[in-house]
Amino acid sequence: MKQRLITGVIAGAVFLGLCFMGGFWYHLLILAMSLIGYYEFARMTKINPFGGTAAIGYLGVLMFVFPWKLLDLSFPLAGEHGIWLVMLLFLLVTVISKNRIGIQQVSLLFLASVYIGMGFMYIAESRNTPDGHGLFWTFLLLASIWASDAGAYFVGRKLGRTKLWPAISPNKTVEGAVGGVIIAVITAMVFAFFSGGLLPLSNALLIGIACAVIGQLGDLVQSAYKRVYGIKDSGTLLPGHGGILDRCDSWIVVFPFVHILGLLPY
């Protein structure tokens, strides 16, 4: 518990400090987190994270998360064209290796590059929104996710009776999940109340629901594939907390989902 607390305080201070600063250094932190997350994914799926095949995935993650706008650059291809080229490179590996590296392996790495790359891309973009309120939007989503996690944990411990999905995550309960949704919605509503009209209550309601429901699904997704590979944590970077993917499993699905649905009113 002591190690977990120390790690949480240090990591939280670094992350929140750079988030307050914003700009290039925060984006660089998000980029580093995305690359470490991809490394963790490759490693726990028993794929050499430093092999030539995995390198294609690192390039895919870089394509998504690189601070193009902050450096006044533009990616030379449309986004979907870049994704297609990464996919093609992975498929060509199966041919060049004469199926020594099979379709299952490259499919996992391609999935990881999109899943992790797009997730962290939207985390970075939320801080750099064109309306200048990126810090507010970032904290809104993070606070709602954390509120959902805390609500699900404490309500589940106090009132939990019905297992939510025991085959994937035996400790989660339906009562805890509902508690997480309620606490997340209340948190988003508080942000709306103090936003001075920046965040309408209707958007806050939907954002709170999205952060809780999609965030809990993101947690279940990672629990599912960790169970397949028989591991508890995705990595060991954060002692007492696991790896980057363990800490950001909800973030990398919530941030894209909220942006894709246009729930942030900017």
C-alpha atoms as a PDB file:
ATOM      1  CA  MET A   1       0.000   0.000   0.000  1.00  0.00           C
ATOM      2  CA  LYS A   2       2.862   2.398   0.825  1.00  0.00           C
ATOM      3  CA  GLN A   3       4.519   1.756  -2.543  1.00  0.00           C
ATOM      4  CA  ARG A   4       1.193   2.210  -4.314  1.00  0.00           C
ATOM      5  CA  LEU A   5       0.607   5.529  -2.543  1.00  0.00           C
ATOM      6  CA  ILE A   6       4.091   6.864  -3.282  1.00  0.00           C
ATOM      7  CA  THR A   7       3.844   5.883  -6.947  1.00  0.00           C
ATOM      8  CA  GLY A   8       0.369   7.416  -7.222  1.00  0.00           C
ATOM      9  CA  VAL A   9       1.460  10.732  -5.705  1.00  0.00           C
ATOM     10  CA  ILE A  10       4.584  11.057  -7.884  1.00  0.00           C
ATOM     11  CA  ALA A  11       2.932   9.931 -11.133  1.00  0.00           C
ATOM     12  CA  GLY A  12      -0.142  12.054 -10.438  1.00  0.00           C
ATOM     13  CA  ALA A  13       1.959  15.140  -9.713  1.00  0.00           C
ATOM     14  CA  VAL A  14       3.954  14.749 -12.936  1.00  0.00           C
ATOM     15  CA  PHE A  15       0.879  14.118 -15.064  1.00  0.00           C
ATOM     16  CA  LEU A  16      -1.276  16.871 -13.571  1.00  0.00           C
ATOM     17  CA  GLY A  17       1.615  19.345 -13.570  1.00  0.00           C
ATOM     18  CA  LEU A  18       2.309  18.827 -17.273  1.00  0.00           C
ATOM     19  CA  CYS A  19      -1.424  18.824 -17.993  1.00  0.00           C
ATOM     20  CA  PHE A  20      -1.702  22.274 -16.376  1.00  0.00           C
ATOM     21  CA  MET A  21       1.212  23.444 -18.524  1.00  0.00           C
ATOM     22  CA  GLY A  22      -0.247  21.956 -21.697  1.00  0.00           C
ATOM     23  CA  GLY A  23       1.495  22.536 -24.994  1.00  0.00           C
ATOM     24  CA  PHE A  24       4.438  20.564 -26.306  1.00  0.00           C
ATOM     25  CA  TRP A  25       5.661  18.976 -23.054  1.00  0.00           C
ATOM     26  CA  TYR A  26       2.260  17.593 -22.135  1.00  0.00           C
ATOM     27  CA  HIS A  27       1.834  16.237 -25.657  1.00  0.00           C
ATOM     28  CA  LEU A  28       5.287  14.674 -25.419  1.00  0.00           C
ATOM     29  CA  LEU A  29       4.221  12.936 -22.191  1.00  0.00           C
ATOM     30  CA  ILE A  30       1.110  11.546 -23.898  1.00  0.00           C
ATOM     31  CA  LEU A  31       3.246  10.380 -26.828  1.00  0.00           C
ATOM     32  CA  ALA A  32       5.636   8.586 -24.446  1.00  0.00           C
ATOM     33  CA  MET A  33       2.681   6.975 -22.648  1.00  0.00           C
ATOM     34  CA  SER A  34       1.262   5.748 -25.956  1.00  0.00           C
ATOM     35  CA  LEU A  35       4.539   4.150 -27.040  1.00  0.00           C
ATOM     36  CA  ILE A  36       4.979   2.489 -23.645  1.00  0.00           C
ATOM     37  CA  GLY A  37       1.379   1.268 -23.845  1.00  0.00           C
ATOM     38  CA  TYR A  38       2.042  -0.311 -27.236  1.00  0.00           C
ATOM     39  CA  TYR A  39       5.203  -1.932 -25.845  1.00  0.00           C
ATOM     40  CA  GLU A  40       3.173  -3.385 -22.963  1.00  0.00           C
ATOM     41  CA  PHE A  41       0.529  -4.737 -25.347  1.00  0.00           C
ATOM     42  CA  ALA A  42       3.102  -6.423 -27.581  1.00  0.00           C
ATOM     43  CA  ARG A  43       4.966  -7.867 -24.611  1.00  0.00           C
ATOM     44  CA  MET A  44       1.952  -9.338 -22.843  1.00  0.00           C
ATOM     45  CA  THR A  45       0.705 -10.936 -26.059  1.00  0.00           C
ATOM     46  CA  LYS A  46       4.067 -12.757 -26.285  1.00  0.00           C
ATOM     47  CA  ILE A  47       5.273 -10.753 -29.287  1.00  0.00           C
ATOM     48  CA  ASN A  48       8.832  -9.380 -29.325  1.00  0.00           C
ATOM     49  CA  PRO A  49       8.254  -5.659 -28.594  1.00  0.00           C
ATOM     50  CA  PHE A  50      11.608  -4.768 -30.165  1.00  0.00           C
ATOM     51  CA  GLY A  51      11.262  -6.877 -33.303  1.00  0.00           C
ATOM     52  CA  GLY A  52      10.898  -5.530 -36.818  1.00  0.00           C
ATOM     53  CA  THR A  53       7.229  -6.465 -37.003  1.00  0.00           C
ATOM     54  CA  ALA A  54       6.392  -4.579 -33.799  1.00  0.00           C
ATOM     55  CA  ALA A  55       8.255  -1.562 -35.199  1.00  0.00           C
ATOM     56  CA  ILE A  56       5.491  -1.078 -37.775  1.00  0.00           C
ATOM     57  CA  GLY A  57       3.032  -0.673 -34.913  1.00  0.00           C
ATOM     58  CA  TYR A  58       5.238   1.929 -33.213  1.00  0.00           C
ATOM     59  CA  LEU A  59       5.164   3.880 -36.480  1.00  0.00           C
ATOM     60  CA  GLY A  60       1.377   3.583 -36.512  1.00  0.00           C
ATOM     61  CA  VAL A  61       1.149   4.940 -32.955  1.00  0.00           C
ATOM     62  CA  LEU A  62       3.524   7.774 -33.860  1.00  0.00           C
ATOM     63  CA  MET A  63       1.352   8.605 -36.866  1.00  0.00           C
ATOM     64  CA  PHE A  64      -1.607   9.132 -34.553  1.00  0.00           C
ATOM     65  CA  VAL A  65      -0.031  10.794 -31.525  1.00  0.00           C
ATOM     66  CA  PHE A  66       2.894  12.820 -32.927  1.00  0.00           C
ATOM     67  CA  PRO A  67       2.384  16.558 -32.167  1.00  0.00           C
ATOM     68  CA  TRP A  68       1.927  17.562 -35.791  1.00  0.00           C
ATOM     69  CA  LYS A  69      -0.094  20.721 -35.116  1.00  0.00           C
ATOM     70  CA  LEU A  70       2.093  21.961 -32.270  1.00  0.00           C
ATOM     71  CA  LEU A  71       5.116  21.759 -34.574  1.00  0.00           C
ATOM     72  CA  ASP A  72       3.156  23.437 -37.371  1.00  0.00           C
ATOM     73  CA  LEU A  73       3.371  20.291 -39.484  1.00  0.00           C
ATOM     74  CA  SER A  74       0.753  18.228 -41.236  1.00  0.00           C
ATOM     75  CA  PHE A  75       0.729  14.488 -41.801  1.00  0.00           C
ATOM     76  CA  PRO A  76       1.273  13.958 -45.542  1.00  0.00           C
ATOM     77  CA  LEU A  77      -1.674  11.546 -45.881  1.00  0.00           C
ATOM     78  CA  ALA A  78      -5.326  11.498 -44.910  1.00  0.00           C
ATOM     79  CA  GLY A  79      -5.856   9.590 -41.673  1.00  0.00           C
ATOM     80  CA  GLU A  80      -7.618   6.628 -43.246  1.00  0.00           C
ATOM     81  CA  HIS A  81      -4.860   6.358 -45.877  1.00  0.00           C
ATOM     82  CA  GLY A  82      -2.209   6.173 -43.157  1.00  0.00           C
ATOM     83  CA  ILE A  83      -4.144   3.438 -41.350  1.00  0.00           C
ATOM     84  CA  TRP A  84      -4.455   1.492 -44.600  1.00  0.00           C
ATOM     85  CA  LEU A  85      -0.705   1.719 -45.272  1.00  0.00           C
ATOM     86  CA  VAL A  86       0.104   0.473 -41.758  1.00  0.00           C
ATOM     87  CA  MET A  87      -2.272  -2.448 -42.344  1.00  0.00           C
ATOM     88  CA  LEU A  88      -0.615  -3.215 -45.693  1.00  0.00           C
ATOM     89  CA  LEU A  89       2.856  -3.227 -44.124  1.00  0.00           C
ATOM     90  CA  PHE A  90       1.675  -5.686 -41.493  1.00  0.00           C
ATOM     91  CA  LEU A  91       0.127  -7.943 -44.134  1.00  0.00           C
ATOM     92  CA  LEU A  92       3.311  -7.864 -46.217  1.00  0.00           C
ATOM     93  CA  VAL A  93       5.235  -9.165 -43.203  1.00  0.00           C
ATOM     94  CA  THR A  94       3.317 -12.454 -43.457  1.00  0.00           C
ATOM     95  CA  VAL A  95       4.392 -12.785 -47.092  1.00  0.00           C
ATOM     96  CA  ILE A  96       8.018 -11.766 -46.582  1.00  0.00           C
ATOM     97  CA  SER A  97       8.381 -14.104 -43.598  1.00  0.00           C
ATOM     98  CA  LYS A  98       6.665 -16.942 -45.515  1.00  0.00           C
ATOM     99  CA  ASN A  99       4.053 -17.177 -42.763  1.00  0.00           C
ATOM    100  CA  ARG A 100       6.673 -17.618 -40.058  1.00  0.00           C
ATOM    101  CA  ILE A 101       4.992 -14.500 -38.692  1.00  0.00           C
ATOM    102  CA  GLY A 102       1.317 -15.313 -39.093  1.00  0.00           C
ATOM    103  CA  ILE A 103      -1.825 -13.299 -39.669  1.00  0.00           C
ATOM    104  CA  GLN A 104      -2.847 -13.676 -36.000  1.00  0.00           C
ATOM    105  CA  GLN A 105       0.322 -11.953 -34.809  1.00  0.00           C
ATOM    106  CA  VAL A 106       0.192  -9.024 -37.222  1.00  0.00           C
ATOM    107  CA  SER A 107      -3.549  -8.626 -36.617  1.00  0.00           C
ATOM    108  CA  LEU A 108      -2.921  -8.180 -32.892  1.00  0.00           C
ATOM    109  CA  LEU A 109      -0.215  -5.600 -33.502  1.00  0.00           C
ATOM    110  CA  PHE A 110      -2.352  -3.695 -36.014  1.00  0.00           C
ATOM    111  CA  LEU A 111      -5.241  -3.700 -33.546  1.00  0.00           C
ATOM    112  CA  ALA A 112      -2.931  -2.393 -30.821  1.00  0.00           C
ATOM    113  CA  SER A 113      -1.601   0.445 -32.972  1.00  0.00           C
ATOM    114  CA  VAL A 114      -5.126   1.717 -33.689  1.00  0.00           C
ATOM    115  CA  TYR A 115      -6.591   1.011 -30.233  1.00  0.00           C
ATOM    116  CA  ILE A 116      -3.720   2.669 -28.395  1.00  0.00           C
ATOM    117  CA  GLY A 117      -2.737   5.266 -31.000  1.00  0.00           C
ATOM    118  CA  MET A 118      -6.216   6.729 -31.467  1.00  0.00           C
ATOM    119  CA  GLY A 119      -6.940   6.575 -27.752  1.00  0.00           C
ATOM    120  CA  PHE A 120      -3.925   8.645 -26.777  1.00  0.00           C
ATOM    121  CA  MET A 121      -4.357  10.928 -29.799  1.00  0.00           C
ATOM    122  CA  TYR A 122      -7.740  12.039 -28.468  1.00  0.00           C
ATOM    123  CA  ILE A 123      -6.326  12.435 -24.953  1.00  0.00           C
ATOM    124  CA  ALA A 124      -3.734  14.850 -26.350  1.00  0.00           C
ATOM    125  CA  GLU A 125      -6.239  16.660 -28.568  1.00  0.00           C
ATOM    126  CA  SER A 126      -8.612  17.215 -25.656  1.00  0.00           C
ATOM    127  CA  ARG A 127      -5.965  19.404 -24.002  1.00  0.00           C
ATOM    128  CA  ASN A 128      -5.335  21.369 -27.195  1.00  0.00           C
ATOM    129  CA  THR A 129      -8.881  22.211 -28.289  1.00  0.00           C
ATOM    130  CA  PRO A 130      -9.246  25.281 -30.519  1.00  0.00           C
ATOM    131  CA  ASP A 131     -11.573  27.040 -28.051  1.00  0.00           C
ATOM    132  CA  GLY A 132      -8.776  27.422 -25.503  1.00  0.00           C
ATOM    133  CA  HIS A 133     -10.628  25.450 -22.809  1.00  0.00           C
ATOM    134  CA  GLY A 134      -8.715  22.215 -23.231  1.00  0.00           C
ATOM    135  CA  LEU A 135      -7.716  22.038 -19.574  1.00  0.00           C
ATOM    136  CA  PHE A 136     -11.392  22.177 -18.547  1.00  0.00           C
ATOM    137  CA  TRP A 137     -12.413  19.462 -21.035  1.00  0.00           C
ATOM    138  CA  THR A 138      -9.527  17.211 -20.030  1.00  0.00           C
ATOM    139  CA  PHE A 139     -10.249  17.526 -16.322  1.00  0.00           C
ATOM    140  CA  LEU A 140     -13.976  17.038 -16.952  1.00  0.00           C
ATOM    141  CA  LEU A 141     -13.394  13.687 -18.637  1.00  0.00           C
ATOM    142  CA  LEU A 142     -10.705  12.508 -16.238  1.00  0.00           C
ATOM    143  CA  ALA A 143     -12.707  13.510 -13.163  1.00  0.00           C
ATOM    144  CA  SER A 144     -15.811  11.754 -14.508  1.00  0.00           C
ATOM    145  CA  ILE A 145     -13.813   8.585 -15.248  1.00  0.00           C
ATOM    146  CA  TRP A 146     -12.179   8.630 -11.816  1.00  0.00           C
ATOM    147  CA  ALA A 147     -15.539   9.326 -10.153  1.00  0.00           C
ATOM    148  CA  SER A 148     -17.011   6.332 -11.956  1.00  0.00           C
ATOM    149  CA  ASP A 149     -14.137   4.115 -10.809  1.00  0.00           C
ATOM    150  CA  ALA A 150     -14.436   5.288  -7.215  1.00  0.00           C
ATOM    151  CA  GLY A 151     -18.235   5.041  -7.213  1.00  0.00           C
ATOM    152  CA  ALA A 152     -18.185   1.538  -8.675  1.00  0.00           C
ATOM    153  CA  TYR A 153     -15.585   0.409  -6.129  1.00  0.00           C
ATOM    154  CA  PHE A 154     -17.186   1.819  -2.976  1.00  0.00           C
ATOM    155  CA  VAL A 155     -20.803   1.172  -3.926  1.00  0.00           C
ATOM    156  CA  GLY A 156     -19.833  -2.320  -5.047  1.00  0.00           C
ATOM    157  CA  ARG A 157     -18.116  -3.048  -1.736  1.00  0.00           C
ATOM    158  CA  LYS A 158     -21.067  -1.731   0.264  1.00  0.00           C
ATOM    159  CA  LEU A 159     -24.059  -2.877  -1.761  1.00  0.00           C
ATOM    160  CA  GLY A 160     -22.708  -5.258  -4.403  1.00  0.00           C
ATOM    161  CA  ARG A 161     -24.612  -8.519  -4.662  1.00  0.00           C
ATOM    162  CA  THR A 162     -25.093  -9.282  -8.357  1.00  0.00           C
ATOM    163  CA  LYS A 163     -21.986 -10.150 -10.377  1.00  0.00           C
ATOM    164  CA  LEU A 164     -21.622  -7.997 -13.477  1.00  0.00           C
ATOM    165  CA  TRP A 165     -19.440 -10.255 -15.632  1.00  0.00           C
ATOM    166  CA  PRO A 166     -17.793 -12.931 -13.480  1.00  0.00           C
ATOM    167  CA  ALA A 167     -16.129 -14.756 -16.386  1.00  0.00           C
ATOM    168  CA  ILE A 168     -14.106 -11.612 -17.153  1.00  0.00           C
ATOM    169  CA  SER A 169     -13.884  -9.658 -13.900  1.00  0.00           C
ATOM    170  CA  PRO A 170     -15.230 -11.587 -10.901  1.00  0.00           C
ATOM    171  CA  ASN A 171     -15.143  -8.664  -8.446  1.00  0.00           C
ATOM    172  CA  LYS A 172     -17.323  -6.240 -10.413  1.00  0.00           C
ATOM    173  CA  THR A 173     -21.021  -6.012  -9.564  1.00  0.00           C
ATOM    174  CA  VAL A 174     -24.109  -4.568 -11.215  1.00  0.00           C
ATOM    175  CA  GLU A 175     -24.761  -2.406  -8.161  1.00  0.00           C
ATOM    176  CA  GLY A 176     -21.225  -1.051  -8.330  1.00  0.00           C
ATOM    177  CA  ALA A 177     -21.562  -0.293 -12.041  1.00  0.00           C
ATOM    178  CA  VAL A 178     -24.800   1.634 -11.446  1.00  0.00           C
ATOM    179  CA  GLY A 179     -23.178   3.502  -8.566  1.00  0.00           C
ATOM    180  CA  GLY A 180     -20.313   4.439 -10.868  1.00  0.00           C
ATOM    181  CA  VAL A 181     -22.724   5.874 -13.433  1.00  0.00           C
ATOM    182  CA  ILE A 182     -24.537   7.956 -10.812  1.00  0.00           C
ATOM    183  CA  ILE A 183     -21.348   9.381  -9.292  1.00  0.00           C
ATOM    184  CA  ALA A 184     -19.913  10.153 -12.752  1.00  0.00           C
ATOM    185  CA  VAL A 185     -23.078  12.006 -13.778  1.00  0.00           C
ATOM    186  CA  ILE A 186     -23.047  14.025 -10.536  1.00  0.00           C
ATOM    187  CA  THR A 187     -19.388  14.910 -11.135  1.00  0.00           C
ATOM    188  CA  ALA A 188     -20.066  16.074 -14.707  1.00  0.00           C
ATOM    189  CA  MET A 189     -23.050  18.103 -13.482  1.00  0.00           C
ATOM    190  CA  VAL A 190     -20.834  19.851 -10.926  1.00  0.00           C
ATOM    191  CA  PHE A 191     -18.454  20.809 -13.758  1.00  0.00           C
ATOM    192  CA  ALA A 192     -21.431  22.158 -15.721  1.00  0.00           C
ATOM    193  CA  PHE A 193     -22.665  24.174 -12.726  1.00  0.00           C
ATOM    194  CA  PHE A 194     -19.308  25.913 -12.319  1.00  0.00           C
ATOM    195  CA  SER A 195     -18.578  26.276 -16.039  1.00  0.00           C
ATOM    196  CA  GLY A 196     -20.336  29.605 -16.467  1.00  0.00           C
ATOM    197  CA  GLY A 197     -22.433  28.270 -19.334  1.00  0.00           C
ATOM    198  CA  LEU A 198     -19.517  26.626 -21.122  1.00  0.00           C
ATOM    199  CA  LEU A 199     -20.961  23.140 -20.536  1.00  0.00           C
ATOM    200  CA  PRO A 200     -24.752  22.683 -20.924  1.00  0.00           C
ATOM    201  CA  LEU A 201     -26.422  20.354 -18.432  1.00  0.00           C
ATOM    202  CA  SER A 202     -27.640  18.079 -21.235  1.00  0.00           C
ATOM    203  CA  ASN A 203     -24.081  17.560 -22.446  1.00  0.00           C
ATOM    204  CA  ALA A 204     -22.882  17.010 -18.895  1.00  0.00           C
ATOM    205  CA  LEU A 205     -25.491  14.291 -18.393  1.00  0.00           C
ATOM    206  CA  LEU A 206     -24.431  12.472 -21.566  1.00  0.00           C
ATOM    207  CA  ILE A 207     -20.729  12.907 -20.806  1.00  0.00           C
ATOM    208  CA  GLY A 208     -21.168  11.485 -17.305  1.00  0.00           C
ATOM    209  CA  ILE A 209     -23.033   8.463 -18.670  1.00  0.00           C
ATOM    210  CA  ALA A 210     -20.473   7.952 -21.442  1.00  0.00           C
ATOM    211  CA  CYS A 211     -17.486   8.212 -19.082  1.00  0.00           C
ATOM    212  CA  ALA A 212     -19.011   5.651 -16.725  1.00  0.00           C
ATOM    213  CA  VAL A 213     -20.463   3.143 -19.184  1.00  0.00           C
ATOM    214  CA  ILE A 214     -17.743   3.255 -21.840  1.00  0.00           C
ATOM    215  CA  GLY A 215     -15.033   3.572 -19.188  1.00  0.00           C
ATOM    216  CA  GLN A 216     -16.240   0.445 -17.405  1.00  0.00           C
ATOM    217  CA  LEU A 217     -16.443  -1.375 -20.736  1.00  0.00           C
ATOM    218  CA  GLY A 218     -12.870  -0.302 -21.482  1.00  0.00           C
ATOM    219  CA  ASP A 219     -11.797  -1.776 -18.164  1.00  0.00           C
ATOM    220  CA  LEU A 220     -13.609  -5.022 -18.992  1.00  0.00           C
ATOM    221  CA  VAL A 221     -11.958  -5.143 -22.427  1.00  0.00           C
ATOM    222  CA  GLN A 222      -8.510  -5.066 -20.857  1.00  0.00           C
ATOM    223  CA  SER A 223      -9.537  -7.567 -18.173  1.00  0.00           C
ATOM    224  CA  ALA A 224     -10.698  -9.881 -20.964  1.00  0.00           C
ATOM    225  CA  TYR A 225      -7.467  -9.928 -22.931  1.00  0.00           C
ATOM    226  CA  LYS A 226      -5.280 -10.043 -19.814  1.00  0.00           C
ATOM    227  CA  ARG A 227      -7.259 -13.107 -18.711  1.00  0.00           C
ATOM    228  CA  VAL A 228      -6.552 -14.749 -22.087  1.00  0.00           C
ATOM    229  CA  TYR A 229      -2.820 -14.362 -21.497  1.00  0.00           C
ATOM    230  CA  GLY A 230      -2.970 -15.205 -17.782  1.00  0.00           C
ATOM    231  CA  ILE A 231      -1.500 -11.951 -16.478  1.00  0.00           C
ATOM    232  CA  LYS A 232      -2.581  -9.575 -13.732  1.00  0.00           C
ATOM    233  CA  ASP A 233      -0.984  -6.338 -14.950  1.00  0.00           C
ATOM    234  CA  SER A 234      -0.012  -5.057 -18.378  1.00  0.00           C
ATOM    235  CA  GLY A 235       3.358  -3.843 -17.099  1.00  0.00           C
ATOM    236  CA  THR A 236       5.477  -2.872 -14.111  1.00  0.00           C
ATOM    237  CA  LEU A 237       6.292   0.776 -14.890  1.00  0.00           C
ATOM    238  CA  LEU A 238       4.152   2.049 -11.990  1.00  0.00           C
ATOM    239  CA  PRO A 239       4.892  -0.067  -8.888  1.00  0.00           C
ATOM    240  CA  GLY A 240       1.665  -0.940  -7.114  1.00  0.00           C
ATOM    241  CA  HIS A 241      -0.396   0.222 -10.095  1.00  0.00           C
ATOM    242  CA  GLY A 242       0.836  -1.949 -12.956  1.00  0.00           C
ATOM    243  CA  GLY A 243       1.539  -0.465 -16.362  1.00  0.00           C
ATOM    244  CA  ILE A 244       0.323   2.406 -18.512  1.00  0.00           C
ATOM    245  CA  LEU A 245      -2.509   0.356 -19.994  1.00  0.00           C
ATOM    246  CA  ASP A 246      -3.675  -0.656 -16.513  1.00  0.00           C
ATOM    247  CA  ARG A 247      -4.046   3.016 -15.553  1.00  0.00           C
ATOM    248  CA  CYS A 248      -5.398   4.252 -18.883  1.00  0.00           C
ATOM    249  CA  ASP A 249      -7.682   1.409 -19.982  1.00  0.00           C
ATOM    250  CA  SER A 250     -10.772   3.603 -19.535  1.00  0.00           C
ATOM    251  CA  TRP A 251      -9.158   6.763 -20.905  1.00  0.00           C
ATOM    252  CA  ILE A 252      -8.264   5.319 -24.294  1.00  0.00           C
ATOM    253  CA  VAL A 253     -11.854   4.366 -25.052  1.00  0.00           C
ATOM    254  CA  VAL A 254     -13.704   7.244 -23.338  1.00  0.00           C
ATOM    255  CA  PHE A 255     -11.795  10.130 -24.937  1.00  0.00           C
ATOM    256  CA  PRO A 256     -12.320   8.929 -28.546  1.00  0.00           C
ATOM    257  CA  PHE A 257     -15.962   7.998 -27.850  1.00  0.00           C
ATOM    258  CA  VAL A 258     -16.817  11.433 -26.435  1.00  0.00           C
ATOM    259  CA  HIS A 259     -15.114  13.200 -29.358  1.00  0.00           C
ATOM    260  CA  ILE A 260     -16.656  10.987 -32.016  1.00  0.00           C
ATOM    261  CA  LEU A 261     -20.152  11.658 -30.630  1.00  0.00           C
ATOM    262  CA  GLY A 262     -19.392  15.386 -30.440  1.00  0.00           C
ATOM    263  CA  LEU A 263     -20.325  15.647 -26.751  1.00  0.00           C
ATOM    264  CA  LEU A 264     -17.771  18.375 -25.997  1.00  0.00           C
ATOM    265  CA  PRO A 265     -19.518  21.606 -27.073  1.00  0.00           C
ATOM    266  CA  TYR A 266     -16.645  23.538 -28.619  1.00  0.00           C
END
